[in-house]
Amino acid sequence: MTEVNFEGISSYERYKLMASLIVPRPIALVTTLGANGVVNAAPFSMFNMIGEDPPILMISINRLADGKLKDTAANILLNGEFVVHMSDEPMAQKMHLCGEAFPSDVSELSRVGFTAVPSQTVAPPRIAQAPIAFECVLHEKLETLSRYVFIGRIKWLAARDGLVDTQAWRVNLRDYRPIARFGASFYTRTDDRFSLTDKEGGAASNQTAIDQM
Protein backbone atom coordinates (compact mmCIF):
# COMPACT_ATOMS: atom_id res chain seq x y z
CA MET A 1 0.00 0.00 0.00
CA THR A 2 1.08 3.56 -0.73
CA GLU A 3 0.35 5.67 2.33
CA VAL A 4 0.44 9.46 2.53
CA ASN A 5 0.39 11.67 5.61
CA PHE A 6 -1.78 14.57 4.47
CA GLU A 7 -0.43 16.75 7.25
CA GLY A 8 3.06 16.38 5.83
CA ILE A 9 2.44 17.52 2.25
CA SER A 10 1.55 20.86 0.69
CA SER A 11 -1.95 22.02 -0.16
CA TYR A 12 -1.11 21.75 -3.87
CA GLU A 13 -0.01 18.14 -3.43
CA ARG A 14 -3.20 17.39 -1.49
CA TYR A 15 -5.24 19.00 -4.26
CA LYS A 16 -3.54 16.93 -6.98
CA LEU A 17 -4.23 13.69 -5.12
CA MET A 18 -7.80 14.46 -4.07
CA ALA A 19 -8.88 15.91 -7.43
CA SER A 20 -7.58 12.84 -9.28
CA LEU A 21 -8.81 10.20 -6.84
CA ILE A 22 -12.26 11.45 -5.79
CA VAL A 23 -13.76 10.93 -9.23
CA PRO A 24 -15.84 11.15 -11.28
CA ARG A 25 -17.31 14.44 -10.09
CA PRO A 26 -20.38 16.13 -11.62
CA ILE A 27 -19.72 19.53 -13.13
CA ALA A 28 -21.62 22.64 -12.14
CA LEU A 29 -21.64 25.23 -14.92
CA VAL A 30 -22.66 28.28 -12.90
CA THR A 31 -24.10 31.54 -14.18
CA THR A 32 -24.04 34.64 -11.98
CA LEU A 33 -24.65 38.34 -12.49
CA GLY A 34 -21.96 40.91 -11.76
CA ALA A 35 -22.41 44.40 -10.34
CA ASN A 36 -21.68 45.69 -13.85
CA GLY A 37 -24.60 43.68 -15.25
CA VAL A 38 -22.34 41.21 -17.07
CA VAL A 39 -23.34 37.54 -16.96
CA ASN A 40 -20.51 35.28 -15.81
CA ALA A 41 -20.37 31.54 -16.51
CA ALA A 42 -17.80 29.17 -15.03
CA PRO A 43 -17.50 25.40 -14.47
CA PHE A 44 -16.74 23.85 -11.07
CA SER A 45 -16.28 20.15 -10.32
CA MET A 46 -16.16 20.48 -6.54
CA PHE A 47 -19.93 20.28 -6.58
CA ASN A 48 -22.73 17.96 -5.51
CA MET A 49 -26.20 17.51 -4.06
CA ILE A 50 -26.26 17.50 -0.27
CA GLY A 51 -29.94 17.35 0.70
CA GLU A 52 -33.57 17.48 -0.38
CA ASP A 53 -35.36 19.10 2.58
CA PRO A 54 -34.49 21.86 2.04
CA PRO A 55 -33.26 21.13 -1.51
CA ILE A 56 -29.62 22.17 -1.30
CA LEU A 57 -26.45 21.71 -3.31
CA MET A 58 -22.82 22.66 -2.75
CA ILE A 59 -20.24 24.48 -4.86
CA SER A 60 -16.67 24.98 -3.66
CA ILE A 61 -14.76 27.85 -5.30
CA ASN A 62 -11.09 28.43 -4.70
CA ARG A 63 -9.42 31.82 -4.29
CA LEU A 64 -7.02 33.04 -6.96
CA ALA A 65 -3.25 33.00 -6.37
CA ASP A 66 -3.28 36.65 -5.24
CA GLY A 67 -6.10 35.97 -2.79
CA LYS A 68 -8.74 37.68 -4.90
CA LEU A 69 -12.09 36.07 -5.54
CA LYS A 70 -13.19 34.51 -8.78
CA ASP A 71 -16.07 36.34 -10.45
CA THR A 72 -18.53 33.59 -9.56
CA ALA A 73 -17.72 33.79 -5.84
CA ALA A 74 -17.75 37.60 -5.83
CA ASN A 75 -21.12 37.67 -7.61
CA ILE A 76 -22.74 35.12 -5.27
CA LEU A 77 -21.55 37.12 -2.27
CA LEU A 78 -22.90 40.29 -3.89
CA ASN A 79 -26.44 39.23 -4.70
CA GLY A 80 -26.91 35.68 -3.37
CA GLU A 81 -28.24 34.20 -6.62
CA PHE A 82 -26.87 31.73 -9.14
CA VAL A 83 -27.92 29.06 -11.63
CA VAL A 84 -26.28 25.62 -11.72
CA HIS A 85 -26.35 23.77 -15.03
CA MET A 86 -25.50 20.15 -15.75
CA SER A 87 -23.45 19.63 -18.90
CA ASP A 88 -23.72 16.93 -21.54
CA GLU A 89 -21.30 16.01 -24.31
CA PRO A 90 -22.69 18.28 -27.07
CA MET A 91 -21.94 21.34 -24.90
CA ALA A 92 -18.77 19.99 -23.28
CA GLN A 93 -16.23 22.00 -25.27
CA LYS A 94 -18.03 25.29 -24.68
CA MET A 95 -18.41 24.45 -20.98
CA HIS A 96 -14.67 23.81 -20.77
CA LEU A 97 -13.88 27.11 -22.50
CA CYS A 98 -15.92 28.95 -19.86
CA GLY A 99 -13.15 28.02 -17.41
CA GLU A 100 -10.70 30.38 -19.11
CA ALA A 101 -9.79 33.62 -17.34
CA PHE A 102 -11.89 36.23 -19.13
CA PRO A 103 -12.02 39.83 -17.86
CA SER A 104 -14.96 40.51 -15.54
CA ASP A 105 -16.52 42.83 -18.13
CA VAL A 106 -16.67 40.02 -20.70
CA SER A 107 -19.47 37.45 -20.63
CA GLU A 108 -18.33 33.89 -21.22
CA LEU A 109 -21.73 33.12 -22.73
CA SER A 110 -21.26 35.40 -25.72
CA ARG A 111 -17.57 34.56 -26.02
CA VAL A 112 -18.06 30.77 -26.31
CA GLY A 113 -21.43 30.83 -28.07
CA PHE A 114 -23.94 29.91 -25.38
CA THR A 115 -27.47 31.36 -25.45
CA ALA A 116 -28.84 33.09 -22.36
CA VAL A 117 -32.54 32.74 -21.52
CA PRO A 118 -34.36 34.39 -18.58
CA SER A 119 -34.66 32.47 -15.33
CA GLN A 120 -37.96 32.18 -13.48
CA THR A 121 -36.92 33.11 -9.93
CA VAL A 122 -33.43 34.66 -10.00
CA ALA A 123 -31.69 37.42 -11.95
CA PRO A 124 -28.83 35.36 -13.50
CA PRO A 125 -30.03 33.78 -16.75
CA ARG A 126 -30.06 30.14 -17.70
CA ILE A 127 -28.11 28.58 -20.55
CA ALA A 128 -30.42 27.33 -23.28
CA GLN A 129 -28.09 24.53 -24.40
CA ALA A 130 -27.92 22.87 -20.96
CA PRO A 131 -30.12 19.83 -20.32
CA ILE A 132 -30.72 20.80 -16.69
CA ALA A 133 -30.68 24.12 -14.80
CA PHE A 134 -31.20 24.64 -11.07
CA GLU A 135 -32.07 28.21 -10.06
CA CYS A 136 -30.56 28.80 -6.61
CA VAL A 137 -30.36 31.34 -3.82
CA LEU A 138 -27.56 31.37 -1.27
CA HIS A 139 -28.61 29.30 1.74
CA GLU A 140 -25.34 29.29 3.67
CA LYS A 141 -21.61 29.76 3.12
CA LEU A 142 -18.38 28.46 4.61
CA GLU A 143 -15.08 30.31 4.24
CA THR A 144 -11.68 28.65 4.53
CA LEU A 145 -8.19 29.98 3.87
CA SER A 146 -8.25 28.69 0.30
CA ARG A 147 -11.88 28.85 -0.81
CA TYR A 148 -15.55 29.59 -0.31
CA VAL A 149 -18.07 26.79 -0.03
CA PHE A 150 -21.51 27.98 -1.13
CA ILE A 151 -24.64 26.05 -0.22
CA GLY A 152 -27.44 26.91 -2.60
CA ARG A 153 -31.14 26.32 -2.04
CA ILE A 154 -32.86 25.25 -5.25
CA LYS A 155 -35.95 27.29 -6.05
CA TRP A 156 -36.67 26.14 -9.59
CA LEU A 157 -35.73 23.36 -12.01
CA ALA A 158 -35.72 23.68 -15.78
CA ALA A 159 -35.22 20.48 -17.79
CA ARG A 160 -34.92 19.75 -21.49
CA ASP A 161 -38.17 18.48 -22.95
CA GLY A 162 -38.61 14.75 -22.36
CA LEU A 163 -36.14 14.41 -19.46
CA VAL A 164 -38.49 14.77 -16.49
CA ASP A 165 -41.94 13.22 -15.99
CA THR A 166 -43.68 15.48 -13.47
CA GLN A 167 -46.58 13.05 -13.07
CA ALA A 168 -44.54 10.00 -12.01
CA TRP A 169 -41.55 12.12 -10.84
CA ARG A 170 -39.16 10.04 -12.88
CA VAL A 171 -36.12 11.09 -14.88
CA ASN A 172 -35.63 9.67 -18.35
CA LEU A 173 -32.12 8.36 -17.78
CA ARG A 174 -32.08 6.80 -21.25
CA ASP A 175 -31.71 10.30 -22.75
CA TYR A 176 -29.89 11.98 -19.85
CA ARG A 177 -26.13 11.64 -20.30
CA PRO A 178 -24.27 14.24 -18.24
CA ILE A 179 -20.50 14.28 -18.34
CA ALA A 180 -18.25 14.31 -15.27
CA ARG A 181 -14.76 15.47 -14.37
CA PHE A 182 -12.01 12.87 -14.08
CA GLY A 183 -8.39 13.49 -13.08
CA ALA A 184 -6.28 16.29 -14.61
CA SER A 185 -7.99 17.60 -17.77
CA PHE A 186 -9.89 14.38 -18.42
CA TYR A 187 -13.65 14.05 -18.51
CA THR A 188 -15.81 10.95 -18.58
CA ARG A 189 -19.13 9.98 -20.18
CA THR A 190 -22.05 8.30 -18.43
CA ASP A 191 -23.14 5.98 -21.22
CA ASP A 192 -21.79 2.70 -19.81
CA ARG A 193 -24.17 1.85 -16.95
CA PHE A 194 -25.03 -1.20 -14.87
CA SER A 195 -27.43 -1.96 -12.05
CA LEU A 196 -27.09 -3.90 -8.81
CA THR A 197 -29.77 -5.48 -6.65
CA ASP A 198 -30.03 -7.09 -3.23
CA LYS A 199 -32.79 -9.40 -4.40
CA GLU A 200 -31.95 -13.05 -4.83
CA GLY A 201 -31.85 -14.10 -8.43
CA GLY A 202 -29.62 -11.39 -9.86
CA ALA A 203 -29.97 -7.88 -11.14
CA ALA A 204 -32.49 -6.61 -13.60
CA SER A 205 -31.24 -5.74 -17.06
CA ASN A 206 -29.36 -2.49 -17.34
CA GLN A 207 -31.91 -0.81 -19.57
CA THR A 208 -34.87 -1.96 -17.44
CA ALA A 209 -33.24 -0.46 -14.36
CA ILE A 210 -32.64 2.80 -16.24
CA ASP A 211 -36.22 2.95 -17.51
CA GLN A 212 -37.60 2.49 -13.99
CA MET A 213 -35.75 5.43 -12.45
C-alpha atoms as a PDB file:
ATOM      1  CA  MET A   1       0.000   0.000   0.000  1.00  0.00           C
ATOM      2  CA  THR A   2       1.080   3.556  -0.725  1.00  0.00           C
ATOM      3  CA  GLU A   3       0.351   5.666   2.326  1.00  0.00           C
ATOM      4  CA  VAL A   4       0.440   9.458   2.534  1.00  0.00           C
ATOM      5  CA  ASN A   5       0.394  11.674   5.609  1.00  0.00           C
ATOM      6  CA  PHE A   6      -1.783  14.571   4.469  1.00  0.00           C
ATOM      7  CA  GLU A   7      -0.425  16.748   7.255  1.00  0.00           C
ATOM      8  CA  GLY A   8       3.063  16.379   5.829  1.00  0.00           C
ATOM      9  CA  ILE A   9       2.439  17.518   2.246  1.00  0.00           C
ATOM     10  CA  SER A  10       1.552  20.859   0.685  1.00  0.00           C
ATOM     11  CA  SER A  11      -1.950  22.020  -0.157  1.00  0.00           C
ATOM     12  CA  TYR A  12      -1.112  21.752  -3.868  1.00  0.00           C
ATOM     13  CA  GLU A  13      -0.010  18.141  -3.426  1.00  0.00           C
ATOM     14  CA  ARG A  14      -3.201  17.392  -1.491  1.00  0.00           C
ATOM     15  CA  TYR A  15      -5.240  18.998  -4.264  1.00  0.00           C
ATOM     16  CA  LYS A  16      -3.538  16.927  -6.983  1.00  0.00           C
ATOM     17  CA  LEU A  17      -4.231  13.694  -5.121  1.00  0.00           C
ATOM     18  CA  MET A  18      -7.798  14.463  -4.074  1.00  0.00           C
ATOM     19  CA  ALA A  19      -8.879  15.906  -7.429  1.00  0.00           C
ATOM     20  CA  SER A  20      -7.583  12.844  -9.284  1.00  0.00           C
ATOM     21  CA  LEU A  21      -8.813  10.201  -6.838  1.00  0.00           C
ATOM     22  CA  ILE A  22     -12.257  11.452  -5.793  1.00  0.00           C
ATOM     23  CA  VAL A  23     -13.759  10.931  -9.230  1.00  0.00           C
ATOM     24  CA  PRO A  24     -15.839  11.148 -11.280  1.00  0.00           C
ATOM     25  CA  ARG A  25     -17.315  14.442 -10.092  1.00  0.00           C
ATOM     26  CA  PRO A  26     -20.380  16.127 -11.622  1.00  0.00           C
ATOM     27  CA  ILE A  27     -19.716  19.528 -13.127  1.00  0.00           C
ATOM     28  CA  ALA A  28     -21.623  22.642 -12.143  1.00  0.00           C
ATOM     29  CA  LEU A  29     -21.643  25.231 -14.920  1.00  0.00           C
ATOM     30  CA  VAL A  30     -22.661  28.277 -12.899  1.00  0.00           C
ATOM     31  CA  THR A  31     -24.099  31.539 -14.177  1.00  0.00           C
ATOM     32  CA  THR A  32     -24.044  34.636 -11.977  1.00  0.00           C
ATOM     33  CA  LEU A  33     -24.654  38.337 -12.489  1.00  0.00           C
ATOM     34  CA  GLY A  34     -21.963  40.906 -11.758  1.00  0.00           C
ATOM     35  CA  ALA A  35     -22.410  44.402 -10.336  1.00  0.00           C
ATOM     36  CA  ASN A  36     -21.680  45.691 -13.845  1.00  0.00           C
ATOM     37  CA  GLY A  37     -24.601  43.676 -15.249  1.00  0.00           C
ATOM     38  CA  VAL A  38     -22.341  41.212 -17.067  1.00  0.00           C
ATOM     39  CA  VAL A  39     -23.337  37.539 -16.960  1.00  0.00           C
ATOM     40  CA  ASN A  40     -20.513  35.284 -15.809  1.00  0.00           C
ATOM     41  CA  ALA A  41     -20.369  31.539 -16.515  1.00  0.00           C
ATOM     42  CA  ALA A  42     -17.801  29.168 -15.032  1.00  0.00           C
ATOM     43  CA  PRO A  43     -17.499  25.395 -14.467  1.00  0.00           C
ATOM     44  CA  PHE A  44     -16.739  23.849 -11.068  1.00  0.00           C
ATOM     45  CA  SER A  45     -16.279  20.149 -10.321  1.00  0.00           C
ATOM     46  CA  MET A  46     -16.159  20.483  -6.539  1.00  0.00           C
ATOM     47  CA  PHE A  47     -19.931  20.278  -6.578  1.00  0.00           C
ATOM     48  CA  ASN A  48     -22.727  17.958  -5.508  1.00  0.00           C
ATOM     49  CA  MET A  49     -26.198  17.508  -4.057  1.00  0.00           C
ATOM     50  CA  ILE A  50     -26.258  17.495  -0.266  1.00  0.00           C
ATOM     51  CA  GLY A  51     -29.941  17.345   0.704  1.00  0.00           C
ATOM     52  CA  GLU A  52     -33.568  17.479  -0.380  1.00  0.00           C
ATOM     53  CA  ASP A  53     -35.363  19.099   2.575  1.00  0.00           C
ATOM     54  CA  PRO A  54     -34.486  21.856   2.038  1.00  0.00           C
ATOM     55  CA  PRO A  55     -33.257  21.131  -1.510  1.00  0.00           C
ATOM     56  CA  ILE A  56     -29.618  22.173  -1.304  1.00  0.00           C
ATOM     57  CA  LEU A  57     -26.450  21.707  -3.314  1.00  0.00           C
ATOM     58  CA  MET A  58     -22.821  22.665  -2.747  1.00  0.00           C
ATOM     59  CA  ILE A  59     -20.244  24.481  -4.862  1.00  0.00           C
ATOM     60  CA  SER A  60     -16.670  24.981  -3.662  1.00  0.00           C
ATOM     61  CA  ILE A  61     -14.762  27.851  -5.299  1.00  0.00           C
ATOM     62  CA  ASN A  62     -11.087  28.430  -4.702  1.00  0.00           C
ATOM     63  CA  ARG A  63      -9.424  31.817  -4.293  1.00  0.00           C
ATOM     64  CA  LEU A  64      -7.015  33.042  -6.961  1.00  0.00           C
ATOM     65  CA  ALA A  65      -3.252  33.000  -6.365  1.00  0.00           C
ATOM     66  CA  ASP A  66      -3.280  36.646  -5.241  1.00  0.00           C
ATOM     67  CA  GLY A  67      -6.100  35.967  -2.790  1.00  0.00           C
ATOM     68  CA  LYS A  68      -8.735  37.676  -4.898  1.00  0.00           C
ATOM     69  CA  LEU A  69     -12.091  36.074  -5.543  1.00  0.00           C
ATOM     70  CA  LYS A  70     -13.185  34.512  -8.784  1.00  0.00           C
ATOM     71  CA  ASP A  71     -16.066  36.344 -10.451  1.00  0.00           C
ATOM     72  CA  THR A  72     -18.532  33.589  -9.556  1.00  0.00           C
ATOM     73  CA  ALA A  73     -17.717  33.790  -5.842  1.00  0.00           C
ATOM     74  CA  ALA A  74     -17.754  37.596  -5.833  1.00  0.00           C
ATOM     75  CA  ASN A  75     -21.118  37.674  -7.609  1.00  0.00           C
ATOM     76  CA  ILE A  76     -22.738  35.124  -5.273  1.00  0.00           C
ATOM     77  CA  LEU A  77     -21.546  37.120  -2.273  1.00  0.00           C
ATOM     78  CA  LEU A  78     -22.901  40.290  -3.891  1.00  0.00           C
ATOM     79  CA  ASN A  79     -26.444  39.226  -4.704  1.00  0.00           C
ATOM     80  CA  GLY A  80     -26.912  35.679  -3.367  1.00  0.00           C
ATOM     81  CA  GLU A  81     -28.237  34.200  -6.616  1.00  0.00           C
ATOM     82  CA  PHE A  82     -26.871  31.728  -9.142  1.00  0.00           C
ATOM     83  CA  VAL A  83     -27.920  29.056 -11.625  1.00  0.00           C
ATOM     84  CA  VAL A  84     -26.275  25.621 -11.716  1.00  0.00           C
ATOM     85  CA  HIS A  85     -26.345  23.770 -15.030  1.00  0.00           C
ATOM     86  CA  MET A  86     -25.505  20.154 -15.747  1.00  0.00           C
ATOM     87  CA  SER A  87     -23.452  19.627 -18.899  1.00  0.00           C
ATOM     88  CA  ASP A  88     -23.715  16.926 -21.535  1.00  0.00           C
ATOM     89  CA  GLU A  89     -21.304  16.005 -24.310  1.00  0.00           C
ATOM     90  CA  PRO A  90     -22.687  18.280 -27.072  1.00  0.00           C
ATOM     91  CA  MET A  91     -21.941  21.343 -24.901  1.00  0.00           C
ATOM     92  CA  ALA A  92     -18.769  19.991 -23.278  1.00  0.00           C
ATOM     93  CA  GLN A  93     -16.226  22.002 -25.270  1.00  0.00           C
ATOM     94  CA  LYS A  94     -18.031  25.293 -24.678  1.00  0.00           C
ATOM     95  CA  MET A  95     -18.413  24.449 -20.980  1.00  0.00           C
ATOM     96  CA  HIS A  96     -14.667  23.810 -20.774  1.00  0.00           C
ATOM     97  CA  LEU A  97     -13.877  27.112 -22.502  1.00  0.00           C
ATOM     98  CA  CYS A  98     -15.921  28.952 -19.864  1.00  0.00           C
ATOM     99  CA  GLY A  99     -13.151  28.015 -17.410  1.00  0.00           C
ATOM    100  CA  GLU A 100     -10.697  30.376 -19.108  1.00  0.00           C
ATOM    101  CA  ALA A 101      -9.793  33.617 -17.338  1.00  0.00           C
ATOM    102  CA  PHE A 102     -11.888  36.227 -19.133  1.00  0.00           C
ATOM    103  CA  PRO A 103     -12.022  39.829 -17.858  1.00  0.00           C
ATOM    104  CA  SER A 104     -14.959  40.513 -15.543  1.00  0.00           C
ATOM    105  CA  ASP A 105     -16.516  42.833 -18.129  1.00  0.00           C
ATOM    106  CA  VAL A 106     -16.669  40.016 -20.703  1.00  0.00           C
ATOM    107  CA  SER A 107     -19.468  37.449 -20.629  1.00  0.00           C
ATOM    108  CA  GLU A 108     -18.329  33.889 -21.216  1.00  0.00           C
ATOM    109  CA  LEU A 109     -21.731  33.122 -22.731  1.00  0.00           C
ATOM    110  CA  SER A 110     -21.256  35.398 -25.717  1.00  0.00           C
ATOM    111  CA  ARG A 111     -17.565  34.558 -26.017  1.00  0.00           C
ATOM    112  CA  VAL A 112     -18.058  30.774 -26.312  1.00  0.00           C
ATOM    113  CA  GLY A 113     -21.426  30.833 -28.072  1.00  0.00           C
ATOM    114  CA  PHE A 114     -23.942  29.910 -25.376  1.00  0.00           C
ATOM    115  CA  THR A 115     -27.474  31.356 -25.455  1.00  0.00           C
ATOM    116  CA  ALA A 116     -28.841  33.093 -22.357  1.00  0.00           C
ATOM    117  CA  VAL A 117     -32.535  32.736 -21.517  1.00  0.00           C
ATOM    118  CA  PRO A 118     -34.364  34.386 -18.584  1.00  0.00           C
ATOM    119  CA  SER A 119     -34.660  32.470 -15.331  1.00  0.00           C
ATOM    120  CA  GLN A 120     -37.962  32.179 -13.476  1.00  0.00           C
ATOM    121  CA  THR A 121     -36.919  33.107  -9.930  1.00  0.00           C
ATOM    122  CA  VAL A 122     -33.431  34.658 -10.003  1.00  0.00           C
ATOM    123  CA  ALA A 123     -31.688  37.423 -11.949  1.00  0.00           C
ATOM    124  CA  PRO A 124     -28.833  35.365 -13.501  1.00  0.00           C
ATOM    125  CA  PRO A 125     -30.027  33.784 -16.754  1.00  0.00           C
ATOM    126  CA  ARG A 126     -30.064  30.137 -17.696  1.00  0.00           C
ATOM    127  CA  ILE A 127     -28.112  28.581 -20.553  1.00  0.00           C
ATOM    128  CA  ALA A 128     -30.422  27.330 -23.277  1.00  0.00           C
ATOM    129  CA  GLN A 129     -28.092  24.528 -24.400  1.00  0.00           C
ATOM    130  CA  ALA A 130     -27.918  22.871 -20.955  1.00  0.00           C
ATOM    131  CA  PRO A 131     -30.117  19.828 -20.321  1.00  0.00           C
ATOM    132  CA  ILE A 132     -30.718  20.803 -16.686  1.00  0.00           C
ATOM    133  CA  ALA A 133     -30.681  24.116 -14.803  1.00  0.00           C
ATOM    134  CA  PHE A 134     -31.195  24.641 -11.067  1.00  0.00           C
ATOM    135  CA  GLU A 135     -32.068  28.209 -10.058  1.00  0.00           C
ATOM    136  CA  CYS A 136     -30.562  28.800  -6.610  1.00  0.00           C
ATOM    137  CA  VAL A 137     -30.357  31.341  -3.819  1.00  0.00           C
ATOM    138  CA  LEU A 138     -27.561  31.368  -1.269  1.00  0.00           C
ATOM    139  CA  HIS A 139     -28.609  29.299   1.740  1.00  0.00           C
ATOM    140  CA  GLU A 140     -25.338  29.294   3.674  1.00  0.00           C
ATOM    141  CA  LYS A 141     -21.610  29.759   3.121  1.00  0.00           C
ATOM    142  CA  LEU A 142     -18.383  28.464   4.614  1.00  0.00           C
ATOM    143  CA  GLU A 143     -15.081  30.311   4.241  1.00  0.00           C
ATOM    144  CA  THR A 144     -11.675  28.647   4.530  1.00  0.00           C
ATOM    145  CA  LEU A 145      -8.188  29.985   3.869  1.00  0.00           C
ATOM    146  CA  SER A 146      -8.252  28.688   0.300  1.00  0.00           C
ATOM    147  CA  ARG A 147     -11.879  28.852  -0.812  1.00  0.00           C
ATOM    148  CA  TYR A 148     -15.553  29.591  -0.306  1.00  0.00           C
ATOM    149  CA  VAL A 149     -18.073  26.785  -0.029  1.00  0.00           C
ATOM    150  CA  PHE A 150     -21.514  27.979  -1.132  1.00  0.00           C
ATOM    151  CA  ILE A 151     -24.644  26.049  -0.219  1.00  0.00           C
ATOM    152  CA  GLY A 152     -27.436  26.914  -2.599  1.00  0.00           C
ATOM    153  CA  ARG A 153     -31.137  26.318  -2.042  1.00  0.00           C
ATOM    154  CA  ILE A 154     -32.861  25.251  -5.245  1.00  0.00           C
ATOM    155  CA  LYS A 155     -35.946  27.292  -6.050  1.00  0.00           C
ATOM    156  CA  TRP A 156     -36.672  26.145  -9.593  1.00  0.00           C
ATOM    157  CA  LEU A 157     -35.727  23.363 -12.011  1.00  0.00           C
ATOM    158  CA  ALA A 158     -35.718  23.682 -15.780  1.00  0.00           C
ATOM    159  CA  ALA A 159     -35.215  20.482 -17.785  1.00  0.00           C
ATOM    160  CA  ARG A 160     -34.924  19.755 -21.490  1.00  0.00           C
ATOM    161  CA  ASP A 161     -38.172  18.476 -22.950  1.00  0.00           C
ATOM    162  CA  GLY A 162     -38.611  14.754 -22.359  1.00  0.00           C
ATOM    163  CA  LEU A 163     -36.140  14.405 -19.462  1.00  0.00           C
ATOM    164  CA  VAL A 164     -38.489  14.773 -16.485  1.00  0.00           C
ATOM    165  CA  ASP A 165     -41.938  13.225 -15.992  1.00  0.00           C
ATOM    166  CA  THR A 166     -43.682  15.479 -13.466  1.00  0.00           C
ATOM    167  CA  GLN A 167     -46.583  13.051 -13.069  1.00  0.00           C
ATOM    168  CA  ALA A 168     -44.539  10.005 -12.013  1.00  0.00           C
ATOM    169  CA  TRP A 169     -41.549  12.116 -10.838  1.00  0.00           C
ATOM    170  CA  ARG A 170     -39.159  10.045 -12.885  1.00  0.00           C
ATOM    171  CA  VAL A 171     -36.125  11.090 -14.877  1.00  0.00           C
ATOM    172  CA  ASN A 172     -35.632   9.669 -18.347  1.00  0.00           C
ATOM    173  CA  LEU A 173     -32.123   8.356 -17.783  1.00  0.00           C
ATOM    174  CA  ARG A 174     -32.079   6.803 -21.251  1.00  0.00           C
ATOM    175  CA  ASP A 175     -31.711  10.296 -22.745  1.00  0.00           C
ATOM    176  CA  TYR A 176     -29.887  11.981 -19.850  1.00  0.00           C
ATOM    177  CA  ARG A 177     -26.132  11.642 -20.297  1.00  0.00           C
ATOM    178  CA  PRO A 178     -24.273  14.236 -18.241  1.00  0.00           C
ATOM    179  CA  ILE A 179     -20.500  14.285 -18.344  1.00  0.00           C
ATOM    180  CA  ALA A 180     -18.246  14.311 -15.272  1.00  0.00           C
ATOM    181  CA  ARG A 181     -14.756  15.465 -14.366  1.00  0.00           C
ATOM    182  CA  PHE A 182     -12.009  12.865 -14.084  1.00  0.00           C
ATOM    183  CA  GLY A 183      -8.387  13.488 -13.084  1.00  0.00           C
ATOM    184  CA  ALA A 184      -6.276  16.290 -14.608  1.00  0.00           C
ATOM    185  CA  SER A 185      -7.991  17.603 -17.772  1.00  0.00           C
ATOM    186  CA  PHE A 186      -9.893  14.382 -18.424  1.00  0.00           C
ATOM    187  CA  TYR A 187     -13.654  14.054 -18.506  1.00  0.00           C
ATOM    188  CA  THR A 188     -15.815  10.948 -18.580  1.00  0.00           C
ATOM    189  CA  ARG A 189     -19.126   9.982 -20.178  1.00  0.00           C
ATOM    190  CA  THR A 190     -22.052   8.305 -18.427  1.00  0.00           C
ATOM    191  CA  ASP A 191     -23.142   5.977 -21.223  1.00  0.00           C
ATOM    192  CA  ASP A 192     -21.793   2.698 -19.805  1.00  0.00           C
ATOM    193  CA  ARG A 193     -24.171   1.850 -16.947  1.00  0.00           C
ATOM    194  CA  PHE A 194     -25.030  -1.203 -14.869  1.00  0.00           C
ATOM    195  CA  SER A 195     -27.434  -1.963 -12.049  1.00  0.00           C
ATOM    196  CA  LEU A 196     -27.089  -3.904  -8.806  1.00  0.00           C
ATOM    197  CA  THR A 197     -29.774  -5.475  -6.652  1.00  0.00           C
ATOM    198  CA  ASP A 198     -30.031  -7.095  -3.231  1.00  0.00           C
ATOM    199  CA  LYS A 199     -32.790  -9.398  -4.402  1.00  0.00           C
ATOM    200  CA  GLU A 200     -31.945 -13.049  -4.827  1.00  0.00           C
ATOM    201  CA  GLY A 201     -31.853 -14.099  -8.433  1.00  0.00           C
ATOM    202  CA  GLY A 202     -29.621 -11.386  -9.862  1.00  0.00           C
ATOM    203  CA  ALA A 203     -29.967  -7.882 -11.140  1.00  0.00           C
ATOM    204  CA  ALA A 204     -32.492  -6.613 -13.604  1.00  0.00           C
ATOM    205  CA  SER A 205     -31.244  -5.735 -17.057  1.00  0.00           C
ATOM    206  CA  ASN A 206     -29.361  -2.493 -17.336  1.00  0.00           C
ATOM    207  CA  GLN A 207     -31.907  -0.808 -19.571  1.00  0.00           C
ATOM    208  CA  THR A 208     -34.868  -1.964 -17.440  1.00  0.00           C
ATOM    209  CA  ALA A 209     -33.244  -0.463 -14.364  1.00  0.00           C
ATOM    210  CA  ILE A 210     -32.640   2.801 -16.239  1.00  0.00           C
ATOM    211  CA  ASP A 211     -36.221   2.951 -17.508  1.00  0.00           C
ATOM    212  CA  GLN A 212     -37.601   2.487 -13.989  1.00  0.00           C
ATOM    213  CA  MET A 213     -35.753   5.427 -12.449  1.00  0.00           C
END
